[in-house]
Amino acid sequence: MEHKKLEFCITQKSIDMFNNSAFGEIIEMSPLDFLARAALSGGYNKKENRLEMGIDYGDDYSTTTVKYLIHKIKEGYCFGIPRLVVEDHDNGLYYVDTHEGRHRLMAAYYLNIDKVKVGIEHLVYNEGYGYYRRAHHRSMWKPIQNINTIITENQRSSVKEMYGMLSINEWKNTIKIILERNRWRFEGIDLEDYEIDKDSYYERHKSGEDF
């Protein structure tokens, strides 16, 4: 008997919020594509940055959270949409500024889910303020046609010194190595062995409040 392939369920509320916004669109990508772009977002410059994604240095919170999310995905629960916040540049590239959802996408990766819906939040350059701000009209940004135009913010000097300048495919290979060498952490572990406020974590993500 064939097993039904698992899907990553997104709440309709979360989808509607993005579709009805002035700044957002929804695209599909693999969990690995998302994680490769989320790895260095947010300006982390210590050894414990998003490249290690928590699990690679034994962070119990990240390990516990991913294990819990694996459990919830298997049960068919729906979550707020993962997102990438990107700066729209004139050269046709979108630089990832920050993200939300790396734990959810790590869980999806370990469950061999092929594609997930990801919300893209567009930031556009504002001459008056001198920096990128959330778009307030859909005409201010162009929809993404190719996910290869979404690149990591790997020009940060501290990151460059540690890891060099990597292409997006090199980032994907690096992230995959990290994920695979930690797969053992998520096999055969009883959720009750961990302390986590499971209900509040799930309710926060289910409601789309992380939007």
N, C-alpha and C. Protein backbone atom coordinates (compact mmCIF):
# COMPACT_ATOMS: atom_id res chain seq x y z
N MET A 1 0.83 -1.19 0.00
CA MET A 1 0.00 0.00 0.00
C MET A 1 0.88 1.25 0.00
N GLU A 2 0.56 2.18 -0.88
CA GLU A 2 1.35 3.40 -0.97
C GLU A 2 0.97 4.38 0.13
N HIS A 3 1.99 5.03 0.70
CA HIS A 3 1.75 6.06 1.70
C HIS A 3 1.49 7.39 1.01
N LYS A 4 0.52 8.13 1.54
CA LYS A 4 0.23 9.44 0.99
C LYS A 4 1.40 10.37 1.28
N LYS A 5 1.85 11.09 0.25
CA LYS A 5 2.99 12.00 0.41
C LYS A 5 2.58 13.18 1.29
N LEU A 6 3.45 13.49 2.24
CA LEU A 6 3.18 14.59 3.15
C LEU A 6 3.22 15.93 2.43
N GLU A 7 2.40 16.86 2.89
CA GLU A 7 2.40 18.22 2.38
C GLU A 7 2.60 19.18 3.54
N PHE A 8 3.14 20.35 3.22
CA PHE A 8 3.29 21.40 4.22
C PHE A 8 2.09 22.32 4.08
N CYS A 9 1.20 22.30 5.06
CA CYS A 9 -0.07 23.03 4.99
C CYS A 9 0.10 24.45 5.51
N ILE A 10 -0.40 25.41 4.72
CA ILE A 10 -0.39 26.83 5.09
C ILE A 10 -1.82 27.27 5.38
N THR A 11 -2.02 28.04 6.44
CA THR A 11 -3.36 28.52 6.75
C THR A 11 -3.87 29.45 5.65
N GLN A 12 -5.17 29.37 5.39
CA GLN A 12 -5.75 30.24 4.38
C GLN A 12 -5.66 31.70 4.80
N LYS A 13 -5.75 31.96 6.11
CA LYS A 13 -5.63 33.33 6.61
C LYS A 13 -4.28 33.93 6.23
N SER A 14 -3.23 33.14 6.39
CA SER A 14 -1.88 33.60 6.08
C SER A 14 -1.72 33.86 4.59
N ILE A 15 -2.26 32.96 3.77
CA ILE A 15 -2.21 33.12 2.32
C ILE A 15 -2.96 34.38 1.88
N ASP A 16 -4.15 34.57 2.43
CA ASP A 16 -4.97 35.74 2.08
C ASP A 16 -4.27 37.04 2.47
N MET A 17 -3.62 37.03 3.64
CA MET A 17 -2.94 38.24 4.09
C MET A 17 -1.85 38.65 3.11
N PHE A 18 -1.13 37.68 2.59
CA PHE A 18 -0.08 38.01 1.62
C PHE A 18 -0.67 38.42 0.28
N ASN A 19 -1.63 37.66 -0.20
CA ASN A 19 -2.21 37.96 -1.51
C ASN A 19 -2.90 39.32 -1.54
N ASN A 20 -3.42 39.75 -0.40
CA ASN A 20 -4.14 41.01 -0.34
C ASN A 20 -3.26 42.19 0.09
N SER A 21 -1.99 41.94 0.29
CA SER A 21 -1.10 43.01 0.74
C SER A 21 -0.55 43.79 -0.46
N ALA A 22 0.00 44.98 -0.15
CA ALA A 22 0.62 45.80 -1.19
C ALA A 22 2.04 45.38 -1.48
N PHE A 23 2.63 44.56 -0.60
CA PHE A 23 4.07 44.28 -0.69
C PHE A 23 4.40 42.82 -0.94
N GLY A 24 3.40 41.93 -0.98
CA GLY A 24 3.73 40.51 -0.97
C GLY A 24 3.24 39.70 -2.14
N GLU A 25 3.98 38.65 -2.43
CA GLU A 25 3.56 37.63 -3.38
C GLU A 25 3.92 36.27 -2.81
N ILE A 26 3.36 35.24 -3.37
CA ILE A 26 3.61 33.87 -2.91
C ILE A 26 4.20 33.07 -4.06
N ILE A 27 5.32 32.41 -3.80
CA ILE A 27 5.94 31.54 -4.79
C ILE A 27 6.21 30.19 -4.13
N GLU A 28 6.57 29.22 -4.94
CA GLU A 28 6.92 27.90 -4.42
C GLU A 28 8.40 27.64 -4.58
N MET A 29 8.98 26.98 -3.60
CA MET A 29 10.37 26.56 -3.68
C MET A 29 10.58 25.36 -2.77
N SER A 30 11.71 24.72 -2.92
CA SER A 30 12.01 23.57 -2.06
C SER A 30 12.45 24.07 -0.69
N PRO A 31 12.31 23.25 0.35
CA PRO A 31 12.83 23.65 1.66
C PRO A 31 14.31 24.02 1.61
N LEU A 32 15.08 23.30 0.81
CA LEU A 32 16.51 23.58 0.71
C LEU A 32 16.76 24.94 0.06
N ASP A 33 15.97 25.27 -0.96
CA ASP A 33 16.10 26.59 -1.59
C ASP A 33 15.84 27.70 -0.58
N PHE A 34 14.83 27.51 0.26
CA PHE A 34 14.52 28.51 1.29
C PHE A 34 15.66 28.61 2.30
N LEU A 35 16.11 27.48 2.81
CA LEU A 35 17.12 27.48 3.87
C LEU A 35 18.45 28.05 3.39
N ALA A 36 18.80 27.81 2.12
CA ALA A 36 20.05 28.36 1.60
C ALA A 36 20.00 29.88 1.58
N ARG A 37 18.82 30.43 1.39
CA ARG A 37 18.68 31.89 1.34
C ARG A 37 18.46 32.50 2.72
N ALA A 38 17.91 31.71 3.62
CA ALA A 38 17.67 32.21 4.98
C ALA A 38 18.91 32.10 5.86
N ALA A 39 19.89 31.32 5.44
CA ALA A 39 21.01 30.97 6.30
C ALA A 39 21.75 32.17 6.85
N LEU A 40 21.91 33.21 6.05
CA LEU A 40 22.73 34.35 6.48
C LEU A 40 21.92 35.62 6.63
N SER A 41 20.61 35.52 6.60
CA SER A 41 19.81 36.72 6.71
C SER A 41 19.78 37.22 8.15
N GLY A 42 19.61 38.51 8.29
CA GLY A 42 19.48 39.10 9.60
C GLY A 42 20.77 39.69 10.16
N GLY A 43 21.88 39.60 9.42
CA GLY A 43 23.10 40.26 9.83
C GLY A 43 23.87 39.57 10.93
N TYR A 44 23.67 38.27 11.10
CA TYR A 44 24.41 37.54 12.13
C TYR A 44 25.88 37.45 11.75
N ASN A 45 26.76 37.73 12.68
CA ASN A 45 28.18 37.74 12.35
C ASN A 45 29.01 36.94 13.34
N LYS A 46 28.36 36.09 14.15
CA LYS A 46 29.10 35.24 15.07
C LYS A 46 29.17 33.82 14.49
N LYS A 47 29.94 32.97 15.15
CA LYS A 47 30.03 31.59 14.70
C LYS A 47 28.65 30.92 14.69
N GLU A 48 27.83 31.26 15.70
CA GLU A 48 26.50 30.67 15.80
C GLU A 48 25.52 31.44 14.92
N ASN A 49 25.82 31.55 13.62
CA ASN A 49 24.91 32.29 12.76
C ASN A 49 23.92 31.35 12.09
N ARG A 50 23.12 31.89 11.19
CA ARG A 50 22.06 31.10 10.59
C ARG A 50 22.59 29.96 9.71
N LEU A 51 23.87 29.99 9.35
CA LEU A 51 24.41 28.89 8.57
C LEU A 51 24.31 27.59 9.35
N GLU A 52 24.63 27.65 10.65
CA GLU A 52 24.54 26.45 11.47
C GLU A 52 23.10 26.11 11.83
N MET A 53 22.20 27.11 11.73
CA MET A 53 20.77 26.90 11.95
C MET A 53 20.47 26.25 13.29
N GLY A 54 21.26 26.52 14.30
CA GLY A 54 20.95 26.03 15.63
C GLY A 54 21.31 24.58 15.85
N ILE A 55 20.84 23.71 14.98
CA ILE A 55 21.01 22.28 15.22
C ILE A 55 22.47 21.85 15.13
N ASP A 56 23.30 22.61 14.41
CA ASP A 56 24.66 22.15 14.14
C ASP A 56 25.59 22.34 15.32
N TYR A 57 25.16 23.10 16.31
CA TYR A 57 25.98 23.21 17.51
C TYR A 57 25.20 22.78 18.75
N GLY A 58 24.22 21.89 18.53
CA GLY A 58 23.51 21.27 19.63
C GLY A 58 22.56 22.16 20.39
N ASP A 59 22.04 23.22 19.75
CA ASP A 59 21.09 24.09 20.42
C ASP A 59 19.80 23.32 20.68
N ASP A 60 19.46 23.16 21.95
CA ASP A 60 18.32 22.33 22.30
C ASP A 60 17.00 22.94 21.84
N TYR A 61 16.91 24.29 21.86
CA TYR A 61 15.66 24.91 21.43
C TYR A 61 15.37 24.60 19.96
N SER A 62 16.38 24.78 19.09
CA SER A 62 16.18 24.51 17.67
C SER A 62 15.85 23.04 17.43
N THR A 63 16.59 22.16 18.09
CA THR A 63 16.35 20.72 17.91
C THR A 63 14.95 20.35 18.37
N THR A 64 14.55 20.86 19.53
CA THR A 64 13.23 20.56 20.06
C THR A 64 12.14 21.11 19.17
N THR A 65 12.31 22.33 18.70
CA THR A 65 11.32 22.97 17.85
C THR A 65 11.13 22.20 16.55
N VAL A 66 12.21 21.82 15.90
CA VAL A 66 12.11 21.08 14.64
C VAL A 66 11.43 19.73 14.87
N LYS A 67 11.78 19.06 15.95
CA LYS A 67 11.15 17.77 16.25
C LYS A 67 9.64 17.93 16.44
N TYR A 68 9.26 18.96 17.16
CA TYR A 68 7.84 19.24 17.39
C TYR A 68 7.12 19.55 16.07
N LEU A 69 7.76 20.34 15.21
CA LEU A 69 7.14 20.69 13.94
C LEU A 69 7.01 19.49 13.02
N ILE A 70 7.98 18.58 13.06
CA ILE A 70 7.87 17.33 12.30
C ILE A 70 6.61 16.59 12.72
N HIS A 71 6.42 16.51 14.03
CA HIS A 71 5.24 15.85 14.59
C HIS A 71 3.96 16.51 14.11
N LYS A 72 3.91 17.84 14.14
CA LYS A 72 2.71 18.56 13.74
C LYS A 72 2.43 18.45 12.24
N ILE A 73 3.46 18.49 11.43
CA ILE A 73 3.26 18.34 9.99
C ILE A 73 2.69 16.96 9.68
N LYS A 74 3.20 15.95 10.36
CA LYS A 74 2.69 14.59 10.17
C LYS A 74 1.21 14.50 10.54
N GLU A 75 0.81 15.28 11.52
CA GLU A 75 -0.59 15.27 11.96
C GLU A 75 -1.49 16.08 11.02
N GLY A 76 -0.88 16.82 10.08
CA GLY A 76 -1.67 17.56 9.11
C GLY A 76 -2.05 18.97 9.52
N TYR A 77 -1.41 19.50 10.54
CA TYR A 77 -1.71 20.86 10.96
C TYR A 77 -1.19 21.89 9.95
N CYS A 78 -1.82 23.06 9.97
CA CYS A 78 -1.43 24.14 9.07
C CYS A 78 -0.75 25.25 9.85
N PHE A 79 0.16 25.95 9.18
CA PHE A 79 0.97 26.98 9.83
C PHE A 79 0.92 28.29 9.06
N GLY A 80 1.38 29.35 9.73
CA GLY A 80 1.58 30.62 9.04
C GLY A 80 2.63 30.44 7.96
N ILE A 81 2.51 31.21 6.90
CA ILE A 81 3.39 31.02 5.75
C ILE A 81 4.83 31.44 6.08
N PRO A 82 5.83 30.61 5.72
CA PRO A 82 7.23 31.06 5.85
C PRO A 82 7.46 32.21 4.88
N ARG A 83 8.41 33.08 5.21
CA ARG A 83 8.60 34.22 4.32
C ARG A 83 10.07 34.63 4.22
N LEU A 84 10.35 35.24 3.09
CA LEU A 84 11.64 35.88 2.85
C LEU A 84 11.36 37.36 2.59
N VAL A 85 12.05 38.22 3.31
CA VAL A 85 11.95 39.66 3.08
C VAL A 85 13.12 40.04 2.18
N VAL A 86 12.82 40.60 1.01
CA VAL A 86 13.86 40.85 0.02
C VAL A 86 13.92 42.33 -0.37
N GLU A 87 15.13 42.79 -0.63
CA GLU A 87 15.34 44.13 -1.19
C GLU A 87 15.35 44.01 -2.71
N ASP A 88 14.49 44.76 -3.38
CA ASP A 88 14.42 44.75 -4.84
C ASP A 88 15.48 45.70 -5.40
N HIS A 89 16.39 45.15 -6.21
CA HIS A 89 17.46 45.97 -6.77
C HIS A 89 17.25 46.17 -8.28
N ASP A 90 17.81 47.26 -8.78
CA ASP A 90 17.64 47.61 -10.19
C ASP A 90 18.30 46.60 -11.13
N ASN A 91 19.25 45.81 -10.62
CA ASN A 91 19.93 44.83 -11.47
C ASN A 91 19.12 43.55 -11.67
N GLY A 92 17.87 43.55 -11.19
CA GLY A 92 17.00 42.39 -11.37
C GLY A 92 17.18 41.32 -10.31
N LEU A 93 18.00 41.60 -9.29
CA LEU A 93 18.22 40.64 -8.22
C LEU A 93 17.46 41.06 -6.97
N TYR A 94 17.16 40.06 -6.14
CA TYR A 94 16.45 40.29 -4.90
C TYR A 94 17.34 39.79 -3.76
N TYR A 95 17.81 40.72 -2.92
CA TYR A 95 18.70 40.36 -1.82
C TYR A 95 17.88 40.06 -0.57
N VAL A 96 18.09 38.88 0.00
CA VAL A 96 17.34 38.51 1.20
C VAL A 96 17.83 39.34 2.38
N ASP A 97 16.90 40.05 2.99
CA ASP A 97 17.22 40.88 4.15
C ASP A 97 17.00 40.11 5.45
N THR A 98 15.88 39.44 5.56
CA THR A 98 15.60 38.62 6.73
C THR A 98 14.58 37.55 6.36
N HIS A 99 14.21 36.73 7.31
CA HIS A 99 13.32 35.62 7.01
C HIS A 99 12.49 35.26 8.24
N GLU A 100 11.50 34.44 8.03
CA GLU A 100 10.72 33.84 9.11
C GLU A 100 10.35 32.43 8.66
N GLY A 101 10.73 31.43 9.46
CA GLY A 101 10.28 30.08 9.12
C GLY A 101 11.36 29.03 8.94
N ARG A 102 12.59 29.29 9.37
CA ARG A 102 13.64 28.31 9.11
C ARG A 102 13.36 26.98 9.81
N HIS A 103 12.79 27.01 11.02
CA HIS A 103 12.51 25.75 11.71
C HIS A 103 11.43 24.95 10.98
N ARG A 104 10.40 25.63 10.51
CA ARG A 104 9.35 24.95 9.75
C ARG A 104 9.89 24.30 8.49
N LEU A 105 10.79 25.02 7.82
CA LEU A 105 11.34 24.49 6.57
C LEU A 105 12.37 23.39 6.82
N MET A 106 13.05 23.42 7.95
CA MET A 106 13.93 22.32 8.31
C MET A 106 13.12 21.06 8.55
N ALA A 107 11.99 21.21 9.25
CA ALA A 107 11.11 20.06 9.48
C ALA A 107 10.59 19.51 8.15
N ALA A 108 10.20 20.41 7.23
CA ALA A 108 9.72 19.98 5.91
C ALA A 108 10.82 19.24 5.16
N TYR A 109 12.06 19.70 5.28
CA TYR A 109 13.18 19.03 4.62
C TYR A 109 13.32 17.60 5.13
N TYR A 110 13.30 17.43 6.44
CA TYR A 110 13.49 16.10 7.01
C TYR A 110 12.33 15.16 6.70
N LEU A 111 11.18 15.72 6.32
CA LEU A 111 10.04 14.90 5.92
C LEU A 111 9.99 14.70 4.41
N ASN A 112 11.04 15.13 3.71
CA ASN A 112 11.16 14.95 2.26
C ASN A 112 10.03 15.60 1.47
N ILE A 113 9.57 16.74 1.96
CA ILE A 113 8.55 17.51 1.25
C ILE A 113 9.24 18.29 0.12
N ASP A 114 8.71 18.16 -1.08
CA ASP A 114 9.39 18.71 -2.26
C ASP A 114 9.28 20.23 -2.37
N LYS A 115 8.06 20.75 -2.21
CA LYS A 115 7.82 22.18 -2.45
C LYS A 115 6.97 22.75 -1.32
N VAL A 116 7.21 24.01 -1.02
CA VAL A 116 6.40 24.72 -0.03
C VAL A 116 6.08 26.11 -0.58
N LYS A 117 4.96 26.65 -0.14
CA LYS A 117 4.61 28.03 -0.48
C LYS A 117 5.39 28.96 0.44
N VAL A 118 5.99 29.98 -0.15
CA VAL A 118 6.78 30.96 0.61
C VAL A 118 6.29 32.36 0.26
N GLY A 119 6.06 33.16 1.29
CA GLY A 119 5.68 34.55 1.06
C GLY A 119 6.91 35.40 0.83
N ILE A 120 6.87 36.21 -0.20
CA ILE A 120 7.96 37.14 -0.50
C ILE A 120 7.49 38.55 -0.15
N GLU A 121 8.19 39.19 0.78
CA GLU A 121 7.86 40.55 1.18
C GLU A 121 8.86 41.50 0.53
N HIS A 122 8.38 42.38 -0.33
CA HIS A 122 9.25 43.25 -1.12
C HIS A 122 9.56 44.55 -0.39
N LEU A 123 10.86 44.85 -0.31
CA LEU A 123 11.33 46.15 0.18
C LEU A 123 11.86 46.93 -1.02
N VAL A 124 11.49 48.18 -1.12
CA VAL A 124 11.95 49.02 -2.23
C VAL A 124 12.69 50.23 -1.67
N TYR A 125 13.63 50.72 -2.48
CA TYR A 125 14.46 51.83 -2.01
C TYR A 125 13.64 53.12 -1.96
N ASN A 126 13.72 53.80 -0.84
CA ASN A 126 13.00 55.05 -0.66
C ASN A 126 14.01 56.20 -0.64
N GLU A 127 13.94 57.04 -1.65
CA GLU A 127 14.91 58.14 -1.76
C GLU A 127 14.83 59.09 -0.58
N GLY A 128 13.63 59.34 -0.11
CA GLY A 128 13.45 60.27 0.98
C GLY A 128 14.09 59.80 2.28
N TYR A 129 13.99 58.51 2.54
CA TYR A 129 14.55 57.96 3.78
C TYR A 129 15.99 57.47 3.61
N GLY A 130 16.36 57.18 2.36
CA GLY A 130 17.72 56.73 2.11
C GLY A 130 17.97 55.27 2.43
N TYR A 131 16.90 54.48 2.52
CA TYR A 131 17.07 53.05 2.76
C TYR A 131 15.83 52.31 2.25
N TYR A 132 15.89 50.98 2.30
CA TYR A 132 14.80 50.15 1.78
C TYR A 132 13.66 50.08 2.80
N ARG A 133 12.44 50.22 2.27
CA ARG A 133 11.24 50.13 3.12
C ARG A 133 10.22 49.23 2.42
N ARG A 134 9.31 48.69 3.21
CA ARG A 134 8.25 47.84 2.67
C ARG A 134 7.44 48.60 1.62
N ALA A 135 7.22 47.96 0.48
CA ALA A 135 6.44 48.58 -0.60
C ALA A 135 5.01 48.86 -0.12
N HIS A 136 4.46 49.99 -0.54
CA HIS A 136 3.09 50.32 -0.15
C HIS A 136 2.13 50.29 -1.34
N HIS A 137 2.64 49.81 -2.49
CA HIS A 137 1.77 49.62 -3.65
C HIS A 137 2.38 48.53 -4.52
N ARG A 138 1.54 47.68 -5.09
CA ARG A 138 2.04 46.54 -5.88
C ARG A 138 2.78 46.97 -7.14
N SER A 139 2.52 48.19 -7.61
CA SER A 139 3.21 48.67 -8.81
C SER A 139 4.67 49.01 -8.54
N MET A 140 5.07 49.01 -7.28
CA MET A 140 6.43 49.41 -6.91
C MET A 140 7.45 48.28 -7.07
N TRP A 141 6.97 47.06 -7.31
CA TRP A 141 7.90 45.94 -7.43
C TRP A 141 7.47 45.00 -8.55
N LYS A 142 8.44 44.24 -9.04
CA LYS A 142 8.18 43.28 -10.10
C LYS A 142 8.11 41.88 -9.51
N PRO A 143 7.11 41.09 -9.93
CA PRO A 143 7.02 39.71 -9.43
C PRO A 143 8.26 38.90 -9.80
N ILE A 144 8.63 38.00 -8.95
CA ILE A 144 9.80 37.15 -9.18
C ILE A 144 9.46 36.08 -10.20
N GLN A 145 10.25 36.02 -11.27
CA GLN A 145 10.03 35.04 -12.33
C GLN A 145 10.90 33.81 -12.16
N ASN A 146 12.02 33.96 -11.49
CA ASN A 146 13.00 32.87 -11.36
C ASN A 146 13.60 32.94 -9.96
N ILE A 147 13.51 31.87 -9.19
CA ILE A 147 14.01 31.93 -7.80
C ILE A 147 15.53 32.10 -7.75
N ASN A 148 16.21 31.85 -8.86
CA ASN A 148 17.66 32.05 -8.87
C ASN A 148 18.05 33.52 -8.80
N THR A 149 17.06 34.41 -8.97
CA THR A 149 17.34 35.84 -8.82
C THR A 149 17.24 36.26 -7.35
N ILE A 150 16.82 35.35 -6.46
CA ILE A 150 16.79 35.62 -5.02
C ILE A 150 18.11 35.12 -4.46
N ILE A 151 18.93 36.02 -3.97
CA ILE A 151 20.26 35.62 -3.52
C ILE A 151 20.48 35.99 -2.05
N THR A 152 21.46 35.34 -1.43
CA THR A 152 21.76 35.61 -0.03
C THR A 152 22.54 36.91 0.10
N GLU A 153 22.47 37.48 1.27
CA GLU A 153 23.23 38.69 1.56
C GLU A 153 24.62 38.26 2.05
N ASN A 154 25.36 37.55 1.17
CA ASN A 154 26.65 36.99 1.61
C ASN A 154 27.82 37.93 1.34
N GLN A 155 27.50 39.20 1.10
CA GLN A 155 28.57 40.18 0.94
C GLN A 155 29.04 40.75 2.27
N ARG A 156 28.35 40.41 3.36
CA ARG A 156 28.74 40.93 4.66
C ARG A 156 30.18 40.51 4.97
N SER A 157 31.01 41.44 5.42
CA SER A 157 32.44 41.18 5.57
C SER A 157 32.73 40.04 6.54
N SER A 158 31.99 39.99 7.66
CA SER A 158 32.28 38.95 8.65
C SER A 158 31.99 37.56 8.10
N VAL A 159 30.93 37.46 7.30
CA VAL A 159 30.58 36.18 6.70
C VAL A 159 31.60 35.80 5.62
N LYS A 160 31.98 36.79 4.84
CA LYS A 160 32.95 36.54 3.77
C LYS A 160 34.26 36.01 4.33
N GLU A 161 34.69 36.56 5.47
CA GLU A 161 35.95 36.10 6.08
C GLU A 161 35.86 34.65 6.53
N MET A 162 34.68 34.25 7.02
CA MET A 162 34.54 32.89 7.53
C MET A 162 34.31 31.88 6.42
N TYR A 163 33.48 32.23 5.44
CA TYR A 163 33.03 31.24 4.47
C TYR A 163 33.36 31.56 3.02
N GLY A 164 33.87 32.74 2.76
CA GLY A 164 34.15 33.11 1.39
C GLY A 164 32.87 33.47 0.65
N MET A 165 33.02 33.81 -0.61
CA MET A 165 31.87 34.17 -1.43
C MET A 165 31.36 32.91 -2.14
N LEU A 166 30.17 32.47 -1.78
CA LEU A 166 29.61 31.26 -2.34
C LEU A 166 28.44 31.59 -3.25
N SER A 167 28.30 30.82 -4.32
CA SER A 167 27.12 30.96 -5.16
C SER A 167 25.94 30.33 -4.42
N ILE A 168 24.73 30.60 -4.94
CA ILE A 168 23.55 30.06 -4.27
C ILE A 168 23.56 28.53 -4.29
N ASN A 169 24.07 27.92 -5.37
CA ASN A 169 24.15 26.46 -5.42
C ASN A 169 25.17 25.92 -4.43
N GLU A 170 26.24 26.67 -4.23
CA GLU A 170 27.23 26.26 -3.22
C GLU A 170 26.64 26.37 -1.83
N TRP A 171 25.82 27.41 -1.59
CA TRP A 171 25.13 27.52 -0.31
C TRP A 171 24.20 26.34 -0.11
N LYS A 172 23.48 25.96 -1.16
CA LYS A 172 22.55 24.82 -1.04
C LYS A 172 23.30 23.55 -0.68
N ASN A 173 24.43 23.33 -1.31
CA ASN A 173 25.22 22.13 -1.00
C ASN A 173 25.73 22.16 0.44
N THR A 174 26.16 23.35 0.89
CA THR A 174 26.65 23.49 2.26
C THR A 174 25.53 23.23 3.27
N ILE A 175 24.36 23.82 3.02
CA ILE A 175 23.23 23.63 3.93
C ILE A 175 22.79 22.17 3.94
N LYS A 176 22.81 21.53 2.79
CA LYS A 176 22.41 20.12 2.73
C LYS A 176 23.34 19.25 3.57
N ILE A 177 24.64 19.52 3.51
CA ILE A 177 25.60 18.77 4.32
C ILE A 177 25.29 18.94 5.80
N ILE A 178 25.01 20.19 6.20
CA ILE A 178 24.68 20.46 7.61
C ILE A 178 23.41 19.72 8.02
N LEU A 179 22.38 19.79 7.18
CA LEU A 179 21.13 19.12 7.50
C LEU A 179 21.30 17.60 7.60
N GLU A 180 22.03 17.03 6.68
CA GLU A 180 22.17 15.58 6.66
C GLU A 180 23.02 15.06 7.83
N ARG A 181 24.02 15.82 8.24
CA ARG A 181 24.83 15.33 9.36
C ARG A 181 24.10 15.48 10.70
N ASN A 182 22.96 16.17 10.67
CA ASN A 182 22.15 16.30 11.88
C ASN A 182 20.85 15.51 11.82
N ARG A 183 20.65 14.75 10.76
CA ARG A 183 19.39 14.00 10.61
C ARG A 183 19.14 13.08 11.80
N TRP A 184 20.19 12.52 12.35
CA TRP A 184 20.05 11.58 13.47
C TRP A 184 19.33 12.21 14.66
N ARG A 185 19.40 13.53 14.79
CA ARG A 185 18.77 14.19 15.92
C ARG A 185 17.25 14.08 15.91
N PHE A 186 16.68 13.80 14.74
CA PHE A 186 15.23 13.85 14.59
C PHE A 186 14.62 12.47 14.31
N GLU A 187 15.35 11.45 14.65
CA GLU A 187 14.88 10.09 14.43
C GLU A 187 14.75 9.36 15.77
N GLY A 188 13.56 8.81 16.02
CA GLY A 188 13.35 7.99 17.20
C GLY A 188 13.45 8.70 18.53
N ILE A 189 13.06 9.98 18.57
CA ILE A 189 13.11 10.75 19.81
C ILE A 189 11.69 11.05 20.27
N ASP A 190 11.40 10.74 21.52
CA ASP A 190 10.08 10.98 22.09
C ASP A 190 9.92 12.46 22.39
N LEU A 191 8.84 13.06 21.86
CA LEU A 191 8.62 14.48 22.10
C LEU A 191 8.51 14.81 23.58
N GLU A 192 8.02 13.85 24.36
CA GLU A 192 7.85 14.12 25.79
C GLU A 192 9.18 14.26 26.51
N ASP A 193 10.27 13.89 25.86
CA ASP A 193 11.58 14.07 26.47
C ASP A 193 12.00 15.53 26.51
N TYR A 194 11.26 16.38 25.80
CA TYR A 194 11.65 17.77 25.68
C TYR A 194 10.64 18.68 26.37
N GLU A 195 11.13 19.79 26.84
CA GLU A 195 10.25 20.79 27.42
C GLU A 195 10.08 21.92 26.42
N ILE A 196 8.84 22.09 25.96
CA ILE A 196 8.53 23.16 25.03
C ILE A 196 7.06 23.51 25.21
N ASP A 197 6.74 24.76 25.13
CA ASP A 197 5.35 25.17 25.24
C ASP A 197 4.69 24.91 23.90
N LYS A 198 4.36 23.65 23.67
CA LYS A 198 3.92 23.20 22.36
C LYS A 198 2.67 23.95 21.87
N ASP A 199 1.70 24.10 22.77
CA ASP A 199 0.44 24.70 22.35
C ASP A 199 0.60 26.16 21.92
N SER A 200 1.33 26.94 22.71
CA SER A 200 1.47 28.36 22.38
C SER A 200 2.31 28.54 21.11
N TYR A 201 3.34 27.69 20.94
CA TYR A 201 4.16 27.78 19.73
C TYR A 201 3.32 27.49 18.51
N TYR A 202 2.55 26.41 18.58
CA TYR A 202 1.73 26.05 17.43
C TYR A 202 0.66 27.10 17.15
N GLU A 203 -0.03 27.56 18.19
CA GLU A 203 -1.11 28.52 17.99
C GLU A 203 -0.59 29.81 17.38
N ARG A 204 0.60 30.26 17.79
CA ARG A 204 1.17 31.48 17.24
C ARG A 204 1.43 31.34 15.75
N HIS A 205 1.95 30.19 15.34
CA HIS A 205 2.25 29.98 13.92
C HIS A 205 0.98 29.68 13.13
N LYS A 206 0.06 28.96 13.72
CA LYS A 206 -1.17 28.64 13.01
C LYS A 206 -1.98 29.89 12.70
N SER A 207 -1.98 30.82 13.63
CA SER A 207 -2.80 32.01 13.48
C SER A 207 -2.29 32.97 12.41
N GLY A 208 -1.03 32.80 12.03
CA GLY A 208 -0.44 33.73 11.08
C GLY A 208 0.06 35.00 11.75
N GLU A 209 0.12 35.01 13.08
CA GLU A 209 0.54 36.21 13.79
C GLU A 209 2.00 36.54 13.54
N ASP A 210 2.77 35.57 13.05
CA ASP A 210 4.18 35.83 12.74
C ASP A 210 4.30 36.53 11.40
N PHE A 211 3.19 36.82 10.77
CA PHE A 211 3.17 37.52 9.48
C PHE A 211 3.73 38.92 9.64
